[in-house]
Amino acid sequence: MGKKLYVGNLSYSTDSGDLEQLFSQFGAVTSAEVIMDRATGRSKGFGFVEMGSDDEAKAAATALNGKEVGGRPLTVNEARPREERGFGGGGGGGRGYGGGGGRSRGW
């Protein structure tokens, strides 16, 4: 298990300091961040915690996964690498109108 953990199902009132305090009982917390919505400035309900060692991260994940905090059961597991968000991925352009199939206007 890596040192970086994903923490999901957070109460919207949880901030990064709360997250750091919660995880610090299992070892050194290198960083703790609750992800915020840029438009509203409110929590998105998840965050990431980086622990000082793999063993500390494993202990924290084992102890806190499913534990109720702020009235909600947490989801804690190893963070996966962020996927690249390229432009234009899938879906076909959206410009213009679909071709063919309609009635001819006879001009």
C-alpha atoms as a PDB file:
ATOM      1  CA  MET A   1       0.000   0.000   0.000  1.00  0.00           C
ATOM      2  CA  GLY A   2       1.243   3.480  -0.839  1.00  0.00           C
ATOM      3  CA  LYS A   3       1.493   6.396   1.524  1.00  0.00           C
ATOM      4  CA  LYS A   4      -1.249   8.451  -0.163  1.00  0.00           C
ATOM      5  CA  LEU A   5      -4.834   7.664   0.812  1.00  0.00           C
ATOM      6  CA  TYR A   6      -8.179   8.586  -0.703  1.00  0.00           C
ATOM      7  CA  VAL A   7     -10.795   9.515   1.900  1.00  0.00           C
ATOM      8  CA  GLY A   8     -14.383   9.549   0.662  1.00  0.00           C
ATOM      9  CA  ASN A   9     -17.869  10.177   2.039  1.00  0.00           C
ATOM     10  CA  LEU A  10     -16.675  13.058   4.200  1.00  0.00           C
ATOM     11  CA  SER A  11     -19.173  15.331   5.880  1.00  0.00           C
ATOM     12  CA  TYR A  12     -19.298  18.627   3.970  1.00  0.00           C
ATOM     13  CA  SER A  13     -18.319  20.432   7.172  1.00  0.00           C
ATOM     14  CA  THR A  14     -14.998  18.529   7.402  1.00  0.00           C
ATOM     15  CA  ASP A  15     -11.971  20.639   6.539  1.00  0.00           C
ATOM     16  CA  SER A  16      -8.314  19.788   5.905  1.00  0.00           C
ATOM     17  CA  GLY A  17      -7.384  20.421   9.551  1.00  0.00           C
ATOM     18  CA  ASP A  18     -10.029  17.954  10.735  1.00  0.00           C
ATOM     19  CA  LEU A  19      -8.703  15.380   8.291  1.00  0.00           C
ATOM     20  CA  GLU A  20      -5.119  15.858   9.478  1.00  0.00           C
ATOM     21  CA  GLN A  21      -6.164  15.545  13.114  1.00  0.00           C
ATOM     22  CA  LEU A  22      -8.144  12.358  12.429  1.00  0.00           C
ATOM     23  CA  PHE A  23      -5.233  10.636  10.656  1.00  0.00           C
ATOM     24  CA  SER A  24      -2.442  11.893  12.933  1.00  0.00           C
ATOM     25  CA  GLN A  25      -3.375   9.327  15.590  1.00  0.00           C
ATOM     26  CA  PHE A  26      -1.906   6.689  13.222  1.00  0.00           C
ATOM     27  CA  GLY A  27       1.398   8.426  12.468  1.00  0.00           C
ATOM     28  CA  ALA A  28       2.959  11.416  10.759  1.00  0.00           C
ATOM     29  CA  VAL A  29       0.671  13.196   8.309  1.00  0.00           C
ATOM     30  CA  THR A  30       2.685  14.726   5.464  1.00  0.00           C
ATOM     31  CA  SER A  31      -0.358  16.401   3.910  1.00  0.00           C
ATOM     32  CA  ALA A  32      -4.128  16.418   4.265  1.00  0.00           C
ATOM     33  CA  GLU A  33      -6.440  18.111   1.804  1.00  0.00           C
ATOM     34  CA  VAL A  34     -10.211  18.198   1.445  1.00  0.00           C
ATOM     35  CA  ILE A  35     -11.062  18.828  -2.205  1.00  0.00           C
ATOM     36  CA  MET A  36     -13.139  21.961  -2.712  1.00  0.00           C
ATOM     37  CA  ASP A  37     -15.476  22.919  -5.539  1.00  0.00           C
ATOM     38  CA  ARG A  38     -13.947  25.901  -7.352  1.00  0.00           C
ATOM     39  CA  ALA A  39     -17.291  27.449  -8.232  1.00  0.00           C
ATOM     40  CA  THR A  40     -18.971  27.268  -4.824  1.00  0.00           C
ATOM     41  CA  GLY A  41     -16.015  27.007  -2.431  1.00  0.00           C
ATOM     42  CA  ARG A  42     -17.736  24.075  -0.685  1.00  0.00           C
ATOM     43  CA  SER A  43     -16.266  20.659   0.020  1.00  0.00           C
ATOM     44  CA  LYS A  44     -16.800  17.967  -2.602  1.00  0.00           C
ATOM     45  CA  GLY A  45     -16.999  15.362   0.171  1.00  0.00           C
ATOM     46  CA  PHE A  46     -13.639  13.706  -0.401  1.00  0.00           C
ATOM     47  CA  GLY A  47      -9.971  14.332   0.132  1.00  0.00           C
ATOM     48  CA  PHE A  48      -6.465  12.919   0.228  1.00  0.00           C
ATOM     49  CA  VAL A  49      -4.063  12.241   3.080  1.00  0.00           C
ATOM     50  CA  GLU A  50      -0.396  11.441   2.705  1.00  0.00           C
ATOM     51  CA  MET A  51       1.168   9.574   5.605  1.00  0.00           C
ATOM     52  CA  GLY A  52       4.832   9.387   6.624  1.00  0.00           C
ATOM     53  CA  SER A  53       5.183   5.679   5.774  1.00  0.00           C
ATOM     54  CA  ASP A  54       3.362   2.835   4.101  1.00  0.00           C
ATOM     55  CA  ASP A  55       2.831   1.121   7.451  1.00  0.00           C
ATOM     56  CA  GLU A  56       1.189   4.228   8.933  1.00  0.00           C
ATOM     57  CA  ALA A  57      -1.048   4.547   5.873  1.00  0.00           C
ATOM     58  CA  LYS A  58      -2.061   0.896   6.126  1.00  0.00           C
ATOM     59  CA  ALA A  59      -2.864   1.236   9.841  1.00  0.00           C
ATOM     60  CA  ALA A  60      -4.959   4.368   9.216  1.00  0.00           C
ATOM     61  CA  ALA A  61      -6.853   2.800   6.294  1.00  0.00           C
ATOM     62  CA  THR A  62      -7.592  -0.360   8.268  1.00  0.00           C
ATOM     63  CA  ALA A  63      -8.809   1.557  11.316  1.00  0.00           C
ATOM     64  CA  LEU A  64     -10.794   4.304   9.558  1.00  0.00           C
ATOM     65  CA  ASN A  65     -12.376   2.582   6.548  1.00  0.00           C
ATOM     66  CA  GLY A  66     -16.071   2.232   7.408  1.00  0.00           C
ATOM     67  CA  LYS A  67     -15.724   4.229  10.644  1.00  0.00           C
ATOM     68  CA  GLU A  68     -18.508   6.742  11.181  1.00  0.00           C
ATOM     69  CA  VAL A  69     -17.218  10.310  11.337  1.00  0.00           C
ATOM     70  CA  GLY A  70     -19.592  13.257  11.281  1.00  0.00           C
ATOM     71  CA  GLY A  71     -22.529  10.896  10.848  1.00  0.00           C
ATOM     72  CA  ARG A  72     -21.097   9.273   7.704  1.00  0.00           C
ATOM     73  CA  PRO A  73     -19.106   6.040   7.235  1.00  0.00           C
ATOM     74  CA  LEU A  74     -15.736   6.906   5.686  1.00  0.00           C
ATOM     75  CA  THR A  75     -14.258   5.214   2.656  1.00  0.00           C
ATOM     76  CA  VAL A  76     -10.489   5.017   3.022  1.00  0.00           C
ATOM     77  CA  ASN A  77      -8.229   3.273   0.533  1.00  0.00           C
ATOM     78  CA  GLU A  78      -5.025   3.723  -1.404  1.00  0.00           C
ATOM     79  CA  ALA A  79      -5.196   6.669  -3.762  1.00  0.00           C
ATOM     80  CA  ARG A  80      -4.897   5.802  -7.435  1.00  0.00           C
ATOM     81  CA  PRO A  81      -2.851   7.984  -9.782  1.00  0.00           C
ATOM     82  CA  ARG A  82      -4.856  10.792 -11.317  1.00  0.00           C
ATOM     83  CA  GLU A  83      -6.025  10.080 -14.841  1.00  0.00           C
ATOM     84  CA  GLU A  84      -5.045  12.508 -17.555  1.00  0.00           C
ATOM     85  CA  ARG A  85      -7.905  14.672 -18.717  1.00  0.00           C
ATOM     86  CA  GLY A  86      -7.234  15.256 -22.385  1.00  0.00           C
ATOM     87  CA  PHE A  87      -9.429  17.480 -24.485  1.00  0.00           C
ATOM     88  CA  GLY A  88     -11.956  16.039 -26.892  1.00  0.00           C
ATOM     89  CA  GLY A  89     -12.076  12.578 -25.380  1.00  0.00           C
ATOM     90  CA  GLY A  90     -14.979  10.665 -26.828  1.00  0.00           C
ATOM     91  CA  GLY A  91     -18.424  11.714 -27.799  1.00  0.00           C
ATOM     92  CA  GLY A  92     -17.937  13.364 -31.177  1.00  0.00           C
ATOM     93  CA  GLY A  93     -17.808  17.116 -31.456  1.00  0.00           C
ATOM     94  CA  GLY A  94     -21.309  18.414 -30.922  1.00  0.00           C
ATOM     95  CA  ARG A  95     -20.919  20.974 -33.713  1.00  0.00           C
ATOM     96  CA  GLY A  96     -23.476  21.243 -36.453  1.00  0.00           C
ATOM     97  CA  TYR A  97     -26.326  18.855 -36.890  1.00  0.00           C
ATOM     98  CA  GLY A  98     -26.572  15.159 -37.565  1.00  0.00           C
ATOM     99  CA  GLY A  99     -26.542  14.334 -41.251  1.00  0.00           C
ATOM    100  CA  GLY A 100     -29.042  12.569 -43.450  1.00  0.00           C
ATOM    101  CA  GLY A 101     -32.272  10.839 -42.638  1.00  0.00           C
ATOM    102  CA  GLY A 102     -34.531  13.879 -42.930  1.00  0.00           C
ATOM    103  CA  ARG A 103     -37.030  14.828 -45.578  1.00  0.00           C
ATOM    104  CA  SER A 104     -35.749  16.618 -48.612  1.00  0.00           C
ATOM    105  CA  ARG A 105     -36.886  20.227 -48.797  1.00  0.00           C
ATOM    106  CA  GLY A 106     -37.040  20.151 -52.570  1.00  0.00           C
ATOM    107  CA  TRP A 107     -35.407  23.515 -53.208  1.00  0.00           C
END
